[in-house]
N, C-alpha and C. Protein backbone atom coordinates (compact mmCIF):
# COMPACT_ATOMS: atom_id res chain seq x y z
N UNK A 1 -43.91 -48.04 19.80
CA UNK A 1 -43.13 -47.91 18.60
C UNK A 1 -43.39 -49.14 17.71
N UNK A 2 -43.73 -48.92 16.46
CA UNK A 2 -44.01 -50.06 15.58
C UNK A 2 -42.76 -50.86 15.23
N UNK A 3 -42.98 -52.10 14.91
CA UNK A 3 -41.90 -52.99 14.48
C UNK A 3 -41.34 -52.52 13.15
N UNK A 4 -42.23 -52.16 12.21
CA UNK A 4 -41.83 -51.62 10.91
C UNK A 4 -42.78 -50.49 10.53
N UNK A 5 -42.31 -49.60 9.66
CA UNK A 5 -43.13 -48.54 9.10
C UNK A 5 -43.06 -48.70 7.59
N UNK A 6 -44.23 -48.82 6.95
CA UNK A 6 -44.33 -49.06 5.52
C UNK A 6 -45.10 -47.91 4.87
N UNK A 7 -44.56 -47.39 3.78
CA UNK A 7 -45.27 -46.37 3.00
C UNK A 7 -45.87 -47.05 1.77
N UNK A 8 -47.14 -46.79 1.54
CA UNK A 8 -47.82 -47.32 0.37
C UNK A 8 -48.63 -46.18 -0.23
N UNK A 9 -48.20 -45.74 -1.41
CA UNK A 9 -48.84 -44.56 -2.00
C UNK A 9 -48.55 -43.36 -1.12
N UNK A 10 -49.60 -42.65 -0.75
CA UNK A 10 -49.42 -41.48 0.11
C UNK A 10 -49.76 -41.78 1.56
N UNK A 11 -49.92 -43.06 1.90
CA UNK A 11 -50.25 -43.44 3.27
C UNK A 11 -49.06 -44.14 3.93
N UNK A 12 -48.96 -43.93 5.24
CA UNK A 12 -47.94 -44.58 6.05
C UNK A 12 -48.65 -45.57 6.97
N UNK A 13 -48.08 -46.76 7.07
CA UNK A 13 -48.67 -47.82 7.89
C UNK A 13 -47.67 -48.29 8.93
N UNK A 14 -48.16 -48.55 10.14
CA UNK A 14 -47.35 -49.12 11.21
C UNK A 14 -47.64 -50.61 11.25
N UNK A 15 -46.58 -51.40 11.27
CA UNK A 15 -46.71 -52.85 11.27
C UNK A 15 -46.13 -53.40 12.57
N UNK A 16 -46.87 -54.28 13.23
CA UNK A 16 -46.39 -54.97 14.42
C UNK A 16 -46.46 -56.47 14.18
N UNK A 17 -45.50 -57.19 14.72
CA UNK A 17 -45.43 -58.64 14.57
C UNK A 17 -45.75 -59.29 15.91
N UNK A 18 -46.61 -60.30 15.85
CA UNK A 18 -47.00 -61.03 17.06
C UNK A 18 -46.91 -62.52 16.80
N UNK A 19 -46.78 -63.29 17.85
CA UNK A 19 -46.75 -64.74 17.73
C UNK A 19 -48.04 -65.30 18.32
N UNK A 20 -48.60 -66.27 17.62
CA UNK A 20 -49.83 -66.92 18.07
C UNK A 20 -49.65 -68.43 17.93
N UNK A 21 -50.06 -69.16 18.94
CA UNK A 21 -50.00 -70.61 18.86
C UNK A 21 -51.41 -71.15 19.08
N UNK A 22 -52.02 -71.66 18.03
CA UNK A 22 -53.37 -72.21 18.16
C UNK A 22 -53.39 -73.40 19.13
N UNK A 23 -54.54 -73.64 19.72
CA UNK A 23 -54.69 -74.77 20.62
C UNK A 23 -54.33 -76.07 19.90
N UNK A 24 -53.70 -76.96 20.62
CA UNK A 24 -53.29 -78.27 20.10
C UNK A 24 -52.29 -78.19 18.94
N UNK A 25 -51.56 -77.11 18.85
CA UNK A 25 -50.53 -76.96 17.81
C UNK A 25 -49.18 -76.78 18.49
N UNK A 26 -48.15 -77.28 17.86
CA UNK A 26 -46.82 -77.13 18.42
C UNK A 26 -46.08 -75.92 17.87
N UNK A 27 -46.50 -75.43 16.73
CA UNK A 27 -45.79 -74.33 16.07
C UNK A 27 -46.46 -72.99 16.35
N UNK A 28 -45.61 -71.98 16.49
CA UNK A 28 -46.07 -70.60 16.61
C UNK A 28 -46.23 -70.04 15.20
N UNK A 29 -47.27 -69.24 14.99
CA UNK A 29 -47.52 -68.60 13.69
C UNK A 29 -47.30 -67.11 13.83
N UNK A 30 -46.84 -66.50 12.74
CA UNK A 30 -46.62 -65.06 12.73
C UNK A 30 -47.91 -64.35 12.33
N UNK A 31 -48.32 -63.40 13.15
CA UNK A 31 -49.49 -62.58 12.87
C UNK A 31 -49.01 -61.14 12.75
N UNK A 32 -49.43 -60.46 11.70
CA UNK A 32 -49.05 -59.06 11.50
C UNK A 32 -50.24 -58.14 11.71
N UNK A 33 -50.00 -57.06 12.38
CA UNK A 33 -51.00 -56.02 12.59
C UNK A 33 -50.60 -54.81 11.76
N UNK A 34 -51.49 -54.36 10.90
CA UNK A 34 -51.27 -53.17 10.08
C UNK A 34 -52.20 -52.07 10.58
N UNK A 35 -51.65 -50.91 10.91
CA UNK A 35 -52.44 -49.76 11.35
C UNK A 35 -52.03 -48.53 10.55
N UNK A 36 -53.01 -47.85 10.03
CA UNK A 36 -52.73 -46.61 9.32
C UNK A 36 -52.19 -45.59 10.31
N UNK A 37 -51.14 -44.89 9.92
CA UNK A 37 -50.56 -43.87 10.80
C UNK A 37 -51.42 -42.61 10.82
N UNK A 38 -52.33 -42.49 9.87
CA UNK A 38 -53.21 -41.33 9.80
C UNK A 38 -54.32 -41.43 10.83
N UNK A 39 -54.46 -40.40 11.62
CA UNK A 39 -55.54 -40.38 12.61
C UNK A 39 -56.90 -40.29 11.92
N UNK A 40 -56.94 -39.69 10.75
CA UNK A 40 -58.21 -39.56 10.03
C UNK A 40 -58.72 -40.91 9.55
N UNK A 41 -57.83 -41.71 9.02
CA UNK A 41 -58.23 -42.99 8.44
C UNK A 41 -58.62 -44.00 9.52
N UNK A 42 -57.72 -44.21 10.47
CA UNK A 42 -58.00 -45.16 11.54
C UNK A 42 -58.15 -46.60 11.07
N UNK A 43 -57.73 -46.89 9.84
CA UNK A 43 -57.86 -48.25 9.32
C UNK A 43 -56.84 -49.17 9.97
N UNK A 44 -57.26 -50.39 10.21
CA UNK A 44 -56.34 -51.40 10.74
C UNK A 44 -56.87 -52.78 10.43
N UNK A 45 -55.96 -53.74 10.39
CA UNK A 45 -56.36 -55.13 10.21
C UNK A 45 -55.24 -56.04 10.68
N UNK A 46 -55.59 -57.29 10.91
CA UNK A 46 -54.66 -58.34 11.32
C UNK A 46 -54.64 -59.38 10.21
N UNK A 47 -53.48 -59.99 9.99
CA UNK A 47 -53.39 -61.05 9.00
C UNK A 47 -52.30 -62.04 9.38
N UNK A 48 -52.54 -63.31 9.07
CA UNK A 48 -51.51 -64.33 9.26
C UNK A 48 -50.46 -64.19 8.17
N UNK A 49 -49.22 -64.38 8.52
CA UNK A 49 -48.14 -64.40 7.55
C UNK A 49 -47.64 -65.84 7.47
N UNK A 50 -47.36 -66.36 6.28
CA UNK A 50 -46.99 -67.78 6.15
C UNK A 50 -45.59 -68.09 6.68
N UNK A 51 -45.48 -68.01 7.99
CA UNK A 51 -44.21 -68.28 8.67
C UNK A 51 -44.55 -68.90 10.01
N UNK A 52 -43.88 -69.98 10.35
CA UNK A 52 -44.09 -70.59 11.66
C UNK A 52 -42.80 -71.21 12.17
N UNK A 53 -42.76 -71.41 13.49
CA UNK A 53 -41.57 -71.96 14.14
C UNK A 53 -41.98 -72.61 15.45
N UNK A 54 -41.12 -73.45 15.99
CA UNK A 54 -41.43 -74.13 17.24
C UNK A 54 -41.18 -73.27 18.48
N UNK A 55 -40.51 -72.13 18.31
CA UNK A 55 -40.32 -71.21 19.43
C UNK A 55 -40.60 -69.78 18.97
N UNK A 56 -41.02 -68.97 19.92
CA UNK A 56 -41.29 -67.56 19.60
C UNK A 56 -40.03 -66.86 19.12
N UNK A 57 -38.93 -67.09 19.80
CA UNK A 57 -37.70 -66.39 19.44
C UNK A 57 -37.27 -66.75 18.01
N UNK A 58 -37.39 -68.00 17.66
CA UNK A 58 -37.06 -68.42 16.29
C UNK A 58 -37.99 -67.76 15.28
N UNK A 59 -39.25 -67.66 15.64
CA UNK A 59 -40.23 -67.02 14.75
C UNK A 59 -39.87 -65.56 14.51
N UNK A 60 -39.52 -64.85 15.57
CA UNK A 60 -39.19 -63.43 15.43
C UNK A 60 -37.86 -63.22 14.70
N UNK A 61 -36.93 -64.14 14.86
CA UNK A 61 -35.67 -64.05 14.11
C UNK A 61 -35.96 -64.18 12.61
N UNK A 62 -36.83 -65.14 12.26
CA UNK A 62 -37.23 -65.30 10.86
C UNK A 62 -37.98 -64.07 10.35
N UNK A 63 -38.83 -63.51 11.19
CA UNK A 63 -39.64 -62.35 10.80
C UNK A 63 -38.75 -61.15 10.47
N UNK A 64 -37.63 -61.01 11.15
CA UNK A 64 -36.72 -59.90 10.89
C UNK A 64 -36.18 -59.94 9.46
N UNK A 65 -36.18 -61.12 8.86
CA UNK A 65 -35.66 -61.28 7.50
C UNK A 65 -36.70 -60.96 6.42
N UNK A 66 -37.93 -60.69 6.80
CA UNK A 66 -38.97 -60.36 5.82
C UNK A 66 -38.66 -58.99 5.25
N UNK A 67 -38.51 -58.88 3.93
CA UNK A 67 -38.21 -57.57 3.34
C UNK A 67 -39.44 -56.65 3.36
N UNK A 68 -39.17 -55.36 3.44
CA UNK A 68 -40.26 -54.38 3.42
C UNK A 68 -41.11 -54.51 2.16
N UNK A 69 -40.49 -54.90 1.05
CA UNK A 69 -41.25 -55.05 -0.19
C UNK A 69 -42.32 -56.15 -0.06
N UNK A 70 -42.01 -57.21 0.67
CA UNK A 70 -42.99 -58.28 0.88
C UNK A 70 -44.15 -57.77 1.73
N UNK A 71 -43.85 -56.96 2.73
CA UNK A 71 -44.91 -56.39 3.56
C UNK A 71 -45.76 -55.40 2.76
N UNK A 72 -45.12 -54.62 1.91
CA UNK A 72 -45.86 -53.68 1.07
C UNK A 72 -46.78 -54.42 0.11
N UNK A 73 -46.29 -55.51 -0.45
CA UNK A 73 -47.11 -56.30 -1.38
C UNK A 73 -48.30 -56.91 -0.65
N UNK A 74 -48.08 -57.45 0.54
CA UNK A 74 -49.17 -58.01 1.34
C UNK A 74 -50.20 -56.94 1.66
N UNK A 75 -49.74 -55.77 2.02
CA UNK A 75 -50.63 -54.65 2.32
C UNK A 75 -51.44 -54.24 1.10
N UNK A 76 -50.78 -54.12 -0.04
CA UNK A 76 -51.47 -53.74 -1.29
C UNK A 76 -52.53 -54.77 -1.66
N UNK A 77 -52.21 -56.05 -1.52
CA UNK A 77 -53.19 -57.11 -1.82
C UNK A 77 -54.38 -57.03 -0.89
N UNK A 78 -54.13 -56.76 0.36
CA UNK A 78 -55.22 -56.70 1.34
C UNK A 78 -56.13 -55.49 1.09
N UNK A 79 -55.55 -54.39 0.66
CA UNK A 79 -56.33 -53.17 0.42
C UNK A 79 -57.06 -53.18 -0.92
N UNK A 80 -56.63 -54.07 -1.84
CA UNK A 80 -57.26 -54.12 -3.18
C UNK A 80 -58.67 -54.64 -3.13
């Protein structure tokens, strides 16, 4: 089950949020996975979101506050 479902135009996208901590870094970074819900398209991509925290739980709490409009805008920019 996706973390969020975003509609953009006539396409539906499934969004998942993941935490990544680069080597030698103390902060976790938010990584978003976008997957087209259409089996025909099969498009997907990963992107960093400008959000970080010292713990995974704190990162995901902050991620819950991201509005769907911000995710839609990020998706539109990536697809342009």
